[in-house]
């Protein structure tokens, strides 16, 4: 079962640093109406989900799938029947940018090692 209200509350507090009053004002609704959304008393529409994702600076999928931990594993079988794991990352744009920079650095080191091996083999 989706706990969209709980996800919204965690994102609002932990990631956006906003109060319920701030979000309610941005949505043009009362604080009580927004509180009802976070407490899963009121259903959320797709339009409202998009508005909230804009306010929090995240995707609607991020809100729906929010987890306390930043990574999770997805086990799959590829076309050859070999099992593998995809590590998926859920984090802020700064955290993602940092990971992208680390990946780029690792790729550069890999290319240097390949060049070094080729040079030794010639």
C-alpha atoms as a PDB file:
ATOM      1  CA  UNK A   1       0.000   0.000   0.000  1.00  0.00           C
ATOM      2  CA  UNK A   2       1.290   3.427  -0.902  1.00  0.00           C
ATOM      3  CA  UNK A   3       1.774   5.803   1.977  1.00  0.00           C
ATOM      4  CA  UNK A   4       1.871   8.945  -0.110  1.00  0.00           C
ATOM      5  CA  UNK A   5       0.992  11.150   2.849  1.00  0.00           C
ATOM      6  CA  UNK A   6       3.854   9.757   4.926  1.00  0.00           C
ATOM      7  CA  UNK A   7       6.215  10.159   1.972  1.00  0.00           C
ATOM      8  CA  UNK A   8       5.128  13.776   1.527  1.00  0.00           C
ATOM      9  CA  UNK A   9       5.726  14.520   5.189  1.00  0.00           C
ATOM     10  CA  UNK A  10       9.231  13.005   5.142  1.00  0.00           C
ATOM     11  CA  UNK A  11      10.166  14.805   1.932  1.00  0.00           C
ATOM     12  CA  UNK A  12       8.728  18.078   3.197  1.00  0.00           C
ATOM     13  CA  UNK A  13      10.625  17.860   6.492  1.00  0.00           C
ATOM     14  CA  UNK A  14      13.852  16.102   5.494  1.00  0.00           C
ATOM     15  CA  UNK A  15      14.503  17.298   1.961  1.00  0.00           C
ATOM     16  CA  UNK A  16      12.604  20.542   1.486  1.00  0.00           C
ATOM     17  CA  UNK A  17      12.734  21.902   5.037  1.00  0.00           C
ATOM     18  CA  UNK A  18       9.241  23.356   4.717  1.00  0.00           C
ATOM     19  CA  UNK A  19       6.318  23.619   7.118  1.00  0.00           C
ATOM     20  CA  UNK A  20       2.829  22.393   6.310  1.00  0.00           C
ATOM     21  CA  UNK A  21       1.750  26.031   6.219  1.00  0.00           C
ATOM     22  CA  UNK A  22       4.349  26.801   3.529  1.00  0.00           C
ATOM     23  CA  UNK A  23       3.198  23.953   1.294  1.00  0.00           C
ATOM     24  CA  UNK A  24      -0.495  24.722   1.844  1.00  0.00           C
ATOM     25  CA  UNK A  25       0.070  28.364   0.872  1.00  0.00           C
ATOM     26  CA  UNK A  26       1.977  27.344  -2.279  1.00  0.00           C
ATOM     27  CA  UNK A  27      -0.921  25.032  -3.212  1.00  0.00           C
ATOM     28  CA  UNK A  28      -3.541  27.678  -2.428  1.00  0.00           C
ATOM     29  CA  UNK A  29      -5.315  25.475   0.139  1.00  0.00           C
ATOM     30  CA  UNK A  30      -5.750  25.574   3.895  1.00  0.00           C
ATOM     31  CA  UNK A  31      -3.180  24.060   6.225  1.00  0.00           C
ATOM     32  CA  UNK A  32      -5.895  21.647   7.421  1.00  0.00           C
ATOM     33  CA  UNK A  33      -6.544  20.492   3.841  1.00  0.00           C
ATOM     34  CA  UNK A  34      -2.834  19.847   3.327  1.00  0.00           C
ATOM     35  CA  UNK A  35      -2.589  18.126   6.708  1.00  0.00           C
ATOM     36  CA  UNK A  36      -5.377  15.787   5.581  1.00  0.00           C
ATOM     37  CA  UNK A  37      -3.259  14.840   2.554  1.00  0.00           C
ATOM     38  CA  UNK A  38      -0.196  14.071   4.698  1.00  0.00           C
ATOM     39  CA  UNK A  39      -2.342  12.058   7.124  1.00  0.00           C
ATOM     40  CA  UNK A  40      -3.845  10.031   4.254  1.00  0.00           C
ATOM     41  CA  UNK A  41      -7.325  11.328   5.126  1.00  0.00           C
ATOM     42  CA  UNK A  42      -7.762  13.074   1.776  1.00  0.00           C
ATOM     43  CA  UNK A  43      -6.906  11.369  -1.494  1.00  0.00           C
ATOM     44  CA  UNK A  44      -4.321  13.031  -3.705  1.00  0.00           C
ATOM     45  CA  UNK A  45      -5.054  13.745  -7.355  1.00  0.00           C
ATOM     46  CA  UNK A  46      -2.499  13.472 -10.140  1.00  0.00           C
ATOM     47  CA  UNK A  47      -2.683  17.236 -10.594  1.00  0.00           C
ATOM     48  CA  UNK A  48      -1.946  17.781  -6.906  1.00  0.00           C
ATOM     49  CA  UNK A  49       0.910  15.234  -7.089  1.00  0.00           C
ATOM     50  CA  UNK A  50       2.480  17.228  -9.921  1.00  0.00           C
ATOM     51  CA  UNK A  51       2.063  20.478  -7.993  1.00  0.00           C
ATOM     52  CA  UNK A  52       3.738  18.946  -4.945  1.00  0.00           C
ATOM     53  CA  UNK A  53       6.589  17.566  -7.019  1.00  0.00           C
ATOM     54  CA  UNK A  54       7.191  21.073  -8.379  1.00  0.00           C
ATOM     55  CA  UNK A  55       7.147  22.567  -4.871  1.00  0.00           C
ATOM     56  CA  UNK A  56       9.598  19.953  -3.526  1.00  0.00           C
ATOM     57  CA  UNK A  57      11.741  19.922  -6.673  1.00  0.00           C
ATOM     58  CA  UNK A  58      11.378  16.176  -7.200  1.00  0.00           C
ATOM     59  CA  UNK A  59       9.536  13.934  -9.645  1.00  0.00           C
ATOM     60  CA  UNK A  60       6.097  12.505  -8.897  1.00  0.00           C
ATOM     61  CA  UNK A  61       7.722   9.050  -8.956  1.00  0.00           C
ATOM     62  CA  UNK A  62      10.127  10.141  -6.235  1.00  0.00           C
ATOM     63  CA  UNK A  63       7.181  11.077  -4.014  1.00  0.00           C
ATOM     64  CA  UNK A  64       5.380   7.802  -4.692  1.00  0.00           C
ATOM     65  CA  UNK A  65       8.462   5.630  -4.165  1.00  0.00           C
ATOM     66  CA  UNK A  66      10.251   7.621  -1.450  1.00  0.00           C
ATOM     67  CA  UNK A  67      12.318   5.559   0.968  1.00  0.00           C
ATOM     68  CA  UNK A  68      14.329   6.554   4.003  1.00  0.00           C
ATOM     69  CA  UNK A  69      17.431   4.922   2.589  1.00  0.00           C
ATOM     70  CA  UNK A  70      19.046   6.340  -0.511  1.00  0.00           C
ATOM     71  CA  UNK A  71      19.638   3.102  -2.426  1.00  0.00           C
ATOM     72  CA  UNK A  72      17.805  -0.085  -3.094  1.00  0.00           C
ATOM     73  CA  UNK A  73      18.488  -3.194  -5.144  1.00  0.00           C
ATOM     74  CA  UNK A  74      16.420  -4.609  -7.971  1.00  0.00           C
ATOM     75  CA  UNK A  75      17.245  -8.226  -8.849  1.00  0.00           C
ATOM     76  CA  UNK A  76      16.589  -9.274 -12.449  1.00  0.00           C
ATOM     77  CA  UNK A  77      17.313 -12.008 -14.982  1.00  0.00           C
ATOM     78  CA  UNK A  78      18.784 -10.890 -18.285  1.00  0.00           C
ATOM     79  CA  UNK A  79      18.130 -12.482 -21.676  1.00  0.00           C
ATOM     80  CA  UNK A  80      20.834 -15.131 -21.113  1.00  0.00           C
ATOM     81  CA  UNK A  81      19.274 -16.194 -17.829  1.00  0.00           C
ATOM     82  CA  UNK A  82      22.092 -14.741 -15.738  1.00  0.00           C
ATOM     83  CA  UNK A  83      20.962 -13.086 -12.586  1.00  0.00           C
ATOM     84  CA  UNK A  84      22.108  -9.553 -11.860  1.00  0.00           C
ATOM     85  CA  UNK A  85      21.417  -6.637  -9.580  1.00  0.00           C
ATOM     86  CA  UNK A  86      20.701  -3.036 -10.464  1.00  0.00           C
ATOM     87  CA  UNK A  87      21.559  -0.560  -7.740  1.00  0.00           C
ATOM     88  CA  UNK A  88      19.236   2.404  -8.008  1.00  0.00           C
ATOM     89  CA  UNK A  89      19.978   5.695  -6.322  1.00  0.00           C
ATOM     90  CA  UNK A  90      17.458   8.109  -4.898  1.00  0.00           C
ATOM     91  CA  UNK A  91      18.938  11.348  -3.685  1.00  0.00           C
ATOM     92  CA  UNK A  92      19.276  15.067  -4.107  1.00  0.00           C
ATOM     93  CA  UNK A  93      20.633  16.575  -7.299  1.00  0.00           C
ATOM     94  CA  UNK A  94      23.877  17.434  -5.464  1.00  0.00           C
ATOM     95  CA  UNK A  95      24.281  13.821  -4.340  1.00  0.00           C
ATOM     96  CA  UNK A  96      23.581  12.550  -7.851  1.00  0.00           C
ATOM     97  CA  UNK A  97      26.042  15.062  -9.341  1.00  0.00           C
ATOM     98  CA  UNK A  98      28.691  13.907  -6.846  1.00  0.00           C
ATOM     99  CA  UNK A  99      28.125  10.278  -7.855  1.00  0.00           C
ATOM    100  CA  UNK A 100      28.325  11.207 -11.535  1.00  0.00           C
ATOM    101  CA  UNK A 101      31.666  12.945 -10.905  1.00  0.00           C
ATOM    102  CA  UNK A 102      32.970   9.900  -9.021  1.00  0.00           C
ATOM    103  CA  UNK A 103      31.877   7.658 -11.901  1.00  0.00           C
ATOM    104  CA  UNK A 104      33.598   9.904 -14.437  1.00  0.00           C
ATOM    105  CA  UNK A 105      36.797   9.797 -12.366  1.00  0.00           C
ATOM    106  CA  UNK A 106      36.622   6.009 -12.179  1.00  0.00           C
ATOM    107  CA  UNK A 107      36.118   5.771 -15.936  1.00  0.00           C
ATOM    108  CA  UNK A 108      39.143   7.999 -16.527  1.00  0.00           C
ATOM    109  CA  UNK A 109      41.274   5.817 -14.218  1.00  0.00           C
ATOM    110  CA  UNK A 110      40.063   2.715 -16.063  1.00  0.00           C
ATOM    111  CA  UNK A 111      41.107   4.195 -19.402  1.00  0.00           C
ATOM    112  CA  UNK A 112      44.533   5.089 -17.958  1.00  0.00           C
ATOM    113  CA  UNK A 113      44.980   1.510 -16.725  1.00  0.00           C
ATOM    114  CA  UNK A 114      43.959   0.112 -20.115  1.00  0.00           C
ATOM    115  CA  UNK A 115      46.474   2.398 -21.838  1.00  0.00           C
ATOM    116  CA  UNK A 116      49.176   1.361 -19.403  1.00  0.00           C
ATOM    117  CA  UNK A 117      48.470  -2.337 -20.049  1.00  0.00           C
ATOM    118  CA  UNK A 118      48.506  -1.808 -23.821  1.00  0.00           C
ATOM    119  CA  UNK A 119      51.840   0.032 -23.563  1.00  0.00           C
ATOM    120  CA  UNK A 120      53.380  -2.812 -21.550  1.00  0.00           C
ATOM    121  CA  UNK A 121      52.137  -5.411 -24.066  1.00  0.00           C
ATOM    122  CA  UNK A 122      53.739  -3.587 -27.008  1.00  0.00           C
END
